[in-house]
């Protein structure tokens, strides 16, 4: 359980970085009271059965993204709303539990990115998935893209591998940093502690992802 608690604390600390003025995602509690989000607010006012979202992102004057992390009957995840046709559904096909936005950052040519994290507990296993969200030219279809970087897993029991002993490798994310932000060398650096299961050996690992040819590419050591 210690590993699971540690991961959640790291996620909560990183989430605090989303409150800066240049963020796409804003707390919905305040965003929905402002003119840019009027159409999204009107939707929730006319659909009182819908859960209020946590974070809101205005793509343009009619398209929005919101996060829902309610743990009741509502399916958690990233939702897309289009005021033109009333579409309100998952941004893609996938449910995302305990979705947070640990950080936002700038890459080459002033391109902006949001890092998404999903924490899930299912079948006795805990995992964390990291994705990057960025905008695309409207002519290519939808206005945004979601790209998965990687995921880590562990048994939320004693130690990362837990009492049931997972196959493969369990891991904690210790920190996430952006190097050379706003330049052609913008790189996401993840520092992890990995534990090999079932032998229990641990080691410190760095995983680095750089923006190349319109995708994030992991840098091999």
C-alpha atoms as a PDB file:
ATOM      1  CA  UNK A   1       0.000   0.000   0.000  1.00  0.00           C
ATOM      2  CA  UNK A   2       2.931   2.348   0.642  1.00  0.00           C
ATOM      3  CA  UNK A   3       3.849   2.388  -3.029  1.00  0.00           C
ATOM      4  CA  UNK A   4       0.285   3.202  -4.049  1.00  0.00           C
ATOM      5  CA  UNK A   5       0.021   6.048  -1.513  1.00  0.00           C
ATOM      6  CA  UNK A   6       3.370   7.416  -2.651  1.00  0.00           C
ATOM      7  CA  UNK A   7       2.259   7.470  -6.260  1.00  0.00           C
ATOM      8  CA  UNK A   8      -0.978   9.249  -5.404  1.00  0.00           C
ATOM      9  CA  UNK A   9       0.907  11.887  -3.384  1.00  0.00           C
ATOM     10  CA  UNK A  10       3.283  12.518  -6.296  1.00  0.00           C
ATOM     11  CA  UNK A  11       0.286  12.901  -8.589  1.00  0.00           C
ATOM     12  CA  UNK A  12      -1.383  15.393  -6.238  1.00  0.00           C
ATOM     13  CA  UNK A  13       1.771  17.459  -5.938  1.00  0.00           C
ATOM     14  CA  UNK A  14       2.209  17.589  -9.689  1.00  0.00           C
ATOM     15  CA  UNK A  15      -1.428  18.508 -10.202  1.00  0.00           C
ATOM     16  CA  UNK A  16      -0.853  21.804  -8.432  1.00  0.00           C
ATOM     17  CA  UNK A  17       1.280  22.964 -11.374  1.00  0.00           C
ATOM     18  CA  UNK A  18      -1.795  23.180 -13.644  1.00  0.00           C
ATOM     19  CA  UNK A  19      -3.063  26.387 -12.055  1.00  0.00           C
ATOM     20  CA  UNK A  20      -0.746  28.769 -13.928  1.00  0.00           C
ATOM     21  CA  UNK A  21      -2.172  31.411 -16.273  1.00  0.00           C
ATOM     22  CA  UNK A  22      -0.993  29.673 -19.444  1.00  0.00           C
ATOM     23  CA  UNK A  23      -2.768  26.382 -18.751  1.00  0.00           C
ATOM     24  CA  UNK A  24      -5.307  24.884 -21.128  1.00  0.00           C
ATOM     25  CA  UNK A  25      -7.064  23.046 -18.321  1.00  0.00           C
ATOM     26  CA  UNK A  26      -8.690  25.218 -15.669  1.00  0.00           C
ATOM     27  CA  UNK A  27     -10.736  24.326 -12.590  1.00  0.00           C
ATOM     28  CA  UNK A  28     -14.315  24.105 -13.872  1.00  0.00           C
ATOM     29  CA  UNK A  29     -15.689  25.648 -10.708  1.00  0.00           C
ATOM     30  CA  UNK A  30     -14.358  29.022 -11.864  1.00  0.00           C
ATOM     31  CA  UNK A  31     -13.995  28.477 -15.628  1.00  0.00           C
ATOM     32  CA  UNK A  32     -17.715  27.815 -16.136  1.00  0.00           C
ATOM     33  CA  UNK A  33     -18.553  31.261 -14.747  1.00  0.00           C
ATOM     34  CA  UNK A  34     -16.525  33.047 -17.454  1.00  0.00           C
ATOM     35  CA  UNK A  35     -17.688  34.100 -20.971  1.00  0.00           C
ATOM     36  CA  UNK A  36     -15.334  31.789 -22.953  1.00  0.00           C
ATOM     37  CA  UNK A  37     -17.026  28.766 -21.359  1.00  0.00           C
ATOM     38  CA  UNK A  38     -20.608  29.995 -21.680  1.00  0.00           C
ATOM     39  CA  UNK A  39     -21.693  27.321 -24.174  1.00  0.00           C
ATOM     40  CA  UNK A  40     -20.260  24.570 -22.004  1.00  0.00           C
ATOM     41  CA  UNK A  41     -21.915  26.050 -18.928  1.00  0.00           C
ATOM     42  CA  UNK A  42     -25.247  26.269 -20.775  1.00  0.00           C
ATOM     43  CA  UNK A  43     -24.963  22.551 -21.526  1.00  0.00           C
ATOM     44  CA  UNK A  44     -24.571  21.643 -17.863  1.00  0.00           C
ATOM     45  CA  UNK A  45     -27.358  24.029 -16.837  1.00  0.00           C
ATOM     46  CA  UNK A  46     -29.722  22.263 -19.246  1.00  0.00           C
ATOM     47  CA  UNK A  47     -28.479  18.767 -18.274  1.00  0.00           C
ATOM     48  CA  UNK A  48     -28.723  18.744 -14.504  1.00  0.00           C
ATOM     49  CA  UNK A  49     -28.334  14.950 -14.509  1.00  0.00           C
ATOM     50  CA  UNK A  50     -24.738  15.246 -15.735  1.00  0.00           C
ATOM     51  CA  UNK A  51     -21.954  15.300 -13.164  1.00  0.00           C
ATOM     52  CA  UNK A  52     -20.049  18.565 -12.949  1.00  0.00           C
ATOM     53  CA  UNK A  53     -16.547  18.184 -14.419  1.00  0.00           C
ATOM     54  CA  UNK A  54     -13.290  18.854 -12.581  1.00  0.00           C
ATOM     55  CA  UNK A  55     -11.049  20.473 -15.216  1.00  0.00           C
ATOM     56  CA  UNK A  56     -12.262  22.349 -18.310  1.00  0.00           C
ATOM     57  CA  UNK A  57     -10.394  23.120 -21.539  1.00  0.00           C
ATOM     58  CA  UNK A  58     -11.783  25.389 -24.289  1.00  0.00           C
ATOM     59  CA  UNK A  59     -10.584  24.150 -27.693  1.00  0.00           C
ATOM     60  CA  UNK A  60     -12.457  26.904 -29.548  1.00  0.00           C
ATOM     61  CA  UNK A  61     -15.759  28.756 -29.257  1.00  0.00           C
ATOM     62  CA  UNK A  62     -17.815  25.554 -29.642  1.00  0.00           C
ATOM     63  CA  UNK A  63     -15.563  22.607 -28.687  1.00  0.00           C
ATOM     64  CA  UNK A  64     -14.431  21.733 -25.166  1.00  0.00           C
ATOM     65  CA  UNK A  65     -12.680  18.991 -23.203  1.00  0.00           C
ATOM     66  CA  UNK A  66     -13.487  18.208 -19.564  1.00  0.00           C
ATOM     67  CA  UNK A  67     -12.273  15.691 -16.994  1.00  0.00           C
ATOM     68  CA  UNK A  68     -14.651  13.649 -14.850  1.00  0.00           C
ATOM     69  CA  UNK A  69     -13.194  11.800 -11.874  1.00  0.00           C
ATOM     70  CA  UNK A  70     -16.383  10.921 -10.010  1.00  0.00           C
ATOM     71  CA  UNK A  71     -16.045   7.470  -8.457  1.00  0.00           C
ATOM     72  CA  UNK A  72     -19.752   6.644  -8.457  1.00  0.00           C
ATOM     73  CA  UNK A  73     -21.792   5.411 -11.408  1.00  0.00           C
ATOM     74  CA  UNK A  74     -20.399   7.979 -13.825  1.00  0.00           C
ATOM     75  CA  UNK A  75     -17.696   6.656 -16.137  1.00  0.00           C
ATOM     76  CA  UNK A  76     -14.545   8.591 -15.408  1.00  0.00           C
ATOM     77  CA  UNK A  77     -12.387  10.032 -18.141  1.00  0.00           C
ATOM     78  CA  UNK A  78     -11.781  12.770 -20.666  1.00  0.00           C
ATOM     79  CA  UNK A  79     -15.010  14.010 -22.283  1.00  0.00           C
ATOM     80  CA  UNK A  80     -15.500  16.019 -25.458  1.00  0.00           C
ATOM     81  CA  UNK A  81     -18.378  18.495 -25.931  1.00  0.00           C
ATOM     82  CA  UNK A  82     -19.341  20.084 -29.257  1.00  0.00           C
ATOM     83  CA  UNK A  83     -21.932  22.837 -28.887  1.00  0.00           C
ATOM     84  CA  UNK A  84     -22.701  22.747 -32.628  1.00  0.00           C
ATOM     85  CA  UNK A  85     -24.310  19.308 -32.554  1.00  0.00           C
ATOM     86  CA  UNK A  86     -24.662  18.612 -28.826  1.00  0.00           C
ATOM     87  CA  UNK A  87     -22.095  15.799 -28.804  1.00  0.00           C
ATOM     88  CA  UNK A  88     -21.034  14.887 -25.260  1.00  0.00           C
ATOM     89  CA  UNK A  89     -18.976  11.696 -25.009  1.00  0.00           C
ATOM     90  CA  UNK A  90     -15.547  10.254 -24.311  1.00  0.00           C
ATOM     91  CA  UNK A  91     -12.809  12.063 -26.233  1.00  0.00           C
ATOM     92  CA  UNK A  92     -11.912   8.602 -27.526  1.00  0.00           C
ATOM     93  CA  UNK A  93     -13.129   5.108 -26.661  1.00  0.00           C
ATOM     94  CA  UNK A  94     -11.327   4.803 -23.358  1.00  0.00           C
ATOM     95  CA  UNK A  95     -12.316   5.252 -19.748  1.00  0.00           C
ATOM     96  CA  UNK A  96      -9.712   6.983 -17.596  1.00  0.00           C
ATOM     97  CA  UNK A  97      -9.962   6.603 -13.833  1.00  0.00           C
ATOM     98  CA  UNK A  98      -8.677   9.314 -11.485  1.00  0.00           C
ATOM     99  CA  UNK A  99      -7.577  11.400 -14.454  1.00  0.00           C
ATOM    100  CA  UNK A 100      -5.286  14.322 -13.649  1.00  0.00           C
ATOM    101  CA  UNK A 101      -3.174  16.819 -15.583  1.00  0.00           C
ATOM    102  CA  UNK A 102       0.210  16.805 -13.819  1.00  0.00           C
ATOM    103  CA  UNK A 103       1.757  19.542 -15.952  1.00  0.00           C
ATOM    104  CA  UNK A 104       1.575  21.590 -19.126  1.00  0.00           C
ATOM    105  CA  UNK A 105       4.587  22.761 -21.071  1.00  0.00           C
ATOM    106  CA  UNK A 106       5.779  24.355 -24.312  1.00  0.00           C
ATOM    107  CA  UNK A 107       7.731  22.573 -27.021  1.00  0.00           C
ATOM    108  CA  UNK A 108       9.329  23.663 -30.307  1.00  0.00           C
ATOM    109  CA  UNK A 109       7.728  26.502 -32.277  1.00  0.00           C
ATOM    110  CA  UNK A 110       5.559  27.503 -29.302  1.00  0.00           C
ATOM    111  CA  UNK A 111       3.609  24.229 -29.478  1.00  0.00           C
ATOM    112  CA  UNK A 112       1.840  23.570 -26.187  1.00  0.00           C
ATOM    113  CA  UNK A 113       1.320  20.176 -24.521  1.00  0.00           C
ATOM    114  CA  UNK A 114      -0.600  18.774 -21.560  1.00  0.00           C
ATOM    115  CA  UNK A 115       0.578  15.658 -19.733  1.00  0.00           C
ATOM    116  CA  UNK A 116      -2.271  13.396 -18.597  1.00  0.00           C
ATOM    117  CA  UNK A 117      -2.081  10.732 -15.919  1.00  0.00           C
ATOM    118  CA  UNK A 118      -4.606   7.981 -15.236  1.00  0.00           C
ATOM    119  CA  UNK A 119      -4.463   5.973 -12.000  1.00  0.00           C
ATOM    120  CA  UNK A 120      -6.401   2.706 -12.022  1.00  0.00           C
ATOM    121  CA  UNK A 121      -6.925  -0.098  -9.513  1.00  0.00           C
ATOM    122  CA  UNK A 122      -8.456  -3.243 -10.960  1.00  0.00           C
ATOM    123  CA  UNK A 123      -8.104  -6.946 -10.273  1.00  0.00           C
ATOM    124  CA  UNK A 124      -5.801  -6.194  -7.362  1.00  0.00           C
ATOM    125  CA  UNK A 125      -3.286  -4.427  -9.585  1.00  0.00           C
ATOM    126  CA  UNK A 126      -2.571  -0.697  -9.711  1.00  0.00           C
ATOM    127  CA  UNK A 127      -1.286   1.017 -12.814  1.00  0.00           C
ATOM    128  CA  UNK A 128      -0.523   4.557 -13.948  1.00  0.00           C
ATOM    129  CA  UNK A 129      -0.714   5.573 -17.595  1.00  0.00           C
ATOM    130  CA  UNK A 130       0.923   8.721 -18.984  1.00  0.00           C
ATOM    131  CA  UNK A 131      -0.318  10.380 -22.163  1.00  0.00           C
ATOM    132  CA  UNK A 132       0.352  13.660 -23.934  1.00  0.00           C
ATOM    133  CA  UNK A 133      -2.415  15.855 -25.355  1.00  0.00           C
ATOM    134  CA  UNK A 134      -1.707  18.367 -28.126  1.00  0.00           C
ATOM    135  CA  UNK A 135      -3.630  20.281 -30.760  1.00  0.00           C
ATOM    136  CA  UNK A 136      -3.813  19.412 -34.454  1.00  0.00           C
ATOM    137  CA  UNK A 137      -4.859  21.402 -37.520  1.00  0.00           C
ATOM    138  CA  UNK A 138      -8.628  21.180 -37.848  1.00  0.00           C
ATOM    139  CA  UNK A 139      -8.273  20.019 -41.456  1.00  0.00           C
ATOM    140  CA  UNK A 140      -6.849  16.727 -40.144  1.00  0.00           C
ATOM    141  CA  UNK A 141     -10.119  15.898 -38.396  1.00  0.00           C
ATOM    142  CA  UNK A 142     -10.489  16.370 -34.651  1.00  0.00           C
ATOM    143  CA  UNK A 143      -8.763  19.343 -33.101  1.00  0.00           C
ATOM    144  CA  UNK A 144      -6.576  17.358 -30.678  1.00  0.00           C
ATOM    145  CA  UNK A 145      -4.481  14.210 -30.386  1.00  0.00           C
ATOM    146  CA  UNK A 146      -3.802  11.884 -27.454  1.00  0.00           C
ATOM    147  CA  UNK A 147      -0.530   9.968 -27.507  1.00  0.00           C
ATOM    148  CA  UNK A 148       0.314   7.324 -24.903  1.00  0.00           C
ATOM    149  CA  UNK A 149       3.881   7.399 -23.636  1.00  0.00           C
ATOM    150  CA  UNK A 150       4.021   4.419 -21.263  1.00  0.00           C
ATOM    151  CA  UNK A 151       2.468   2.837 -18.196  1.00  0.00           C
ATOM    152  CA  UNK A 152       3.737   1.334 -14.964  1.00  0.00           C
ATOM    153  CA  UNK A 153       2.114  -1.224 -12.680  1.00  0.00           C
ATOM    154  CA  UNK A 154       2.399  -2.616  -9.177  1.00  0.00           C
ATOM    155  CA  UNK A 155       0.510  -4.623  -6.588  1.00  0.00           C
ATOM    156  CA  UNK A 156      -0.697  -2.087  -3.979  1.00  0.00           C
ATOM    157  CA  UNK A 157       0.331  -4.360  -1.143  1.00  0.00           C
ATOM    158  CA  UNK A 158       3.710  -4.699   0.562  1.00  0.00           C
ATOM    159  CA  UNK A 159       6.398  -3.323  -1.723  1.00  0.00           C
ATOM    160  CA  UNK A 160       5.878  -2.635  -5.401  1.00  0.00           C
ATOM    161  CA  UNK A 161       5.561  -6.284  -6.439  1.00  0.00           C
ATOM    162  CA  UNK A 162       3.209  -7.029  -3.555  1.00  0.00           C
ATOM    163  CA  UNK A 163       2.405 -10.267  -1.799  1.00  0.00           C
ATOM    164  CA  UNK A 164       0.971 -11.907  -4.935  1.00  0.00           C
ATOM    165  CA  UNK A 165       4.183 -11.233  -6.871  1.00  0.00           C
ATOM    166  CA  UNK A 166       3.507  -9.630 -10.213  1.00  0.00           C
ATOM    167  CA  UNK A 167       5.141 -10.907 -13.356  1.00  0.00           C
ATOM    168  CA  UNK A 168       7.730  -8.666 -14.961  1.00  0.00           C
ATOM    169  CA  UNK A 169       8.623  -5.295 -13.434  1.00  0.00           C
ATOM    170  CA  UNK A 170       6.723  -3.060 -11.009  1.00  0.00           C
ATOM    171  CA  UNK A 171       7.506   0.653 -10.716  1.00  0.00           C
ATOM    172  CA  UNK A 172       6.868   3.972  -8.986  1.00  0.00           C
ATOM    173  CA  UNK A 173       7.062   7.326 -10.769  1.00  0.00           C
ATOM    174  CA  UNK A 174       9.239   9.492  -8.521  1.00  0.00           C
ATOM    175  CA  UNK A 175       9.227  12.713 -10.562  1.00  0.00           C
ATOM    176  CA  UNK A 176       8.468  14.245 -13.954  1.00  0.00           C
ATOM    177  CA  UNK A 177      10.484  17.140 -15.374  1.00  0.00           C
ATOM    178  CA  UNK A 178      10.644  19.096 -18.621  1.00  0.00           C
ATOM    179  CA  UNK A 179      14.095  19.789 -20.040  1.00  0.00           C
ATOM    180  CA  UNK A 180      14.873  22.531 -22.569  1.00  0.00           C
ATOM    181  CA  UNK A 181      11.269  23.715 -22.580  1.00  0.00           C
ATOM    182  CA  UNK A 182      10.243  25.761 -25.604  1.00  0.00           C
ATOM    183  CA  UNK A 183      13.202  24.645 -27.731  1.00  0.00           C
ATOM    184  CA  UNK A 184      13.798  22.042 -30.421  1.00  0.00           C
ATOM    185  CA  UNK A 185      15.257  19.814 -27.683  1.00  0.00           C
ATOM    186  CA  UNK A 186      12.196  19.824 -25.417  1.00  0.00           C
ATOM    187  CA  UNK A 187      12.267  16.540 -23.499  1.00  0.00           C
ATOM    188  CA  UNK A 188      10.084  14.918 -20.848  1.00  0.00           C
ATOM    189  CA  UNK A 189      12.164  13.145 -18.219  1.00  0.00           C
ATOM    190  CA  UNK A 190      10.570  10.575 -15.896  1.00  0.00           C
ATOM    191  CA  UNK A 191      12.498   9.261 -12.909  1.00  0.00           C
ATOM    192  CA  UNK A 192      11.314   5.856 -11.720  1.00  0.00           C
ATOM    193  CA  UNK A 193      12.119   3.275  -9.114  1.00  0.00           C
ATOM    194  CA  UNK A 194      11.680  -0.188 -10.622  1.00  0.00           C
ATOM    195  CA  UNK A 195      11.472  -3.517  -8.837  1.00  0.00           C
ATOM    196  CA  UNK A 196      12.050  -6.790 -10.638  1.00  0.00           C
ATOM    197  CA  UNK A 197       9.480  -9.449  -9.745  1.00  0.00           C
ATOM    198  CA  UNK A 198       9.862 -11.976  -8.240  1.00  0.00           C
ATOM    199  CA  UNK A 199      13.548 -11.522  -7.268  1.00  0.00           C
ATOM    200  CA  UNK A 200      12.860  -8.127  -5.617  1.00  0.00           C
ATOM    201  CA  UNK A 201      15.873  -6.251  -7.002  1.00  0.00           C
ATOM    202  CA  UNK A 202      15.304  -2.484  -7.280  1.00  0.00           C
ATOM    203  CA  UNK A 203      16.979   0.168  -9.394  1.00  0.00           C
ATOM    204  CA  UNK A 204      16.605   3.816 -10.361  1.00  0.00           C
ATOM    205  CA  UNK A 205      15.645   4.426 -13.981  1.00  0.00           C
ATOM    206  CA  UNK A 206      15.230   7.445 -16.233  1.00  0.00           C
ATOM    207  CA  UNK A 207      12.888   7.452 -19.218  1.00  0.00           C
ATOM    208  CA  UNK A 208      13.145  10.377 -21.615  1.00  0.00           C
ATOM    209  CA  UNK A 209      10.774  11.363 -24.426  1.00  0.00           C
ATOM    210  CA  UNK A 210      11.614  14.014 -27.039  1.00  0.00           C
ATOM    211  CA  UNK A 211       9.305  15.661 -29.589  1.00  0.00           C
ATOM    212  CA  UNK A 212      10.453  14.475 -33.031  1.00  0.00           C
ATOM    213  CA  UNK A 213       8.594  14.421 -36.367  1.00  0.00           C
ATOM    214  CA  UNK A 214       5.276  15.333 -34.711  1.00  0.00           C
ATOM    215  CA  UNK A 215       5.474  12.577 -32.079  1.00  0.00           C
ATOM    216  CA  UNK A 216       7.141  11.922 -28.746  1.00  0.00           C
ATOM    217  CA  UNK A 217       9.952   9.425 -29.203  1.00  0.00           C
ATOM    218  CA  UNK A 218      11.631   7.640 -26.314  1.00  0.00           C
ATOM    219  CA  UNK A 219      15.370   8.285 -26.189  1.00  0.00           C
ATOM    220  CA  UNK A 220      17.343   5.069 -25.836  1.00  0.00           C
ATOM    221  CA  UNK A 221      20.413   5.033 -23.658  1.00  0.00           C
END
